[in-house]
Amino acid sequence: MSISDEIGRTFDVVVTDGIDIISLSIDGVVVPYYLDVIAIEALDASDTGIFVSALPGELTVTNVVPWVTTVGAGNIDRDFPTNIKLGNENIISGVSVYGGPGLAPFSLAFFGDI
């Protein structure tokens, strides 16, 4: 059995088991979606309501399909201090990786209310 067959079978099992999240730590090469077993199986899983995440790849992003959330870690050697002003006028200080001009205010929403 090939690795592609094993991946497909594994996705089938976890979808049938009713899990909520699939976290992939598999790196590879970028191929067209119709040839990418992970992309195809992840789409099927996503269509059933399963959240699918994957690592970006060792040297570049290889998991690029829009129905998979690509997660990764990184660092930079400087901080950009920033403040968040809440609707009740409280200010929370923190650090951002965005060093540009301030952005227009946005409303926060609780995901459970959407």
Foldseek 3Di string as FASTA:
>chain_A
DDPLVVVLVVLVVVLVVPDAEAEEADADAADPLVPDSCSVSLVVSVVSNHAYEYEQHDPGRRPDDPSYHYDDDDDDDDWAWDWDQDPVRDIDIDTDPDNDDDDDDDDDDDPVVD
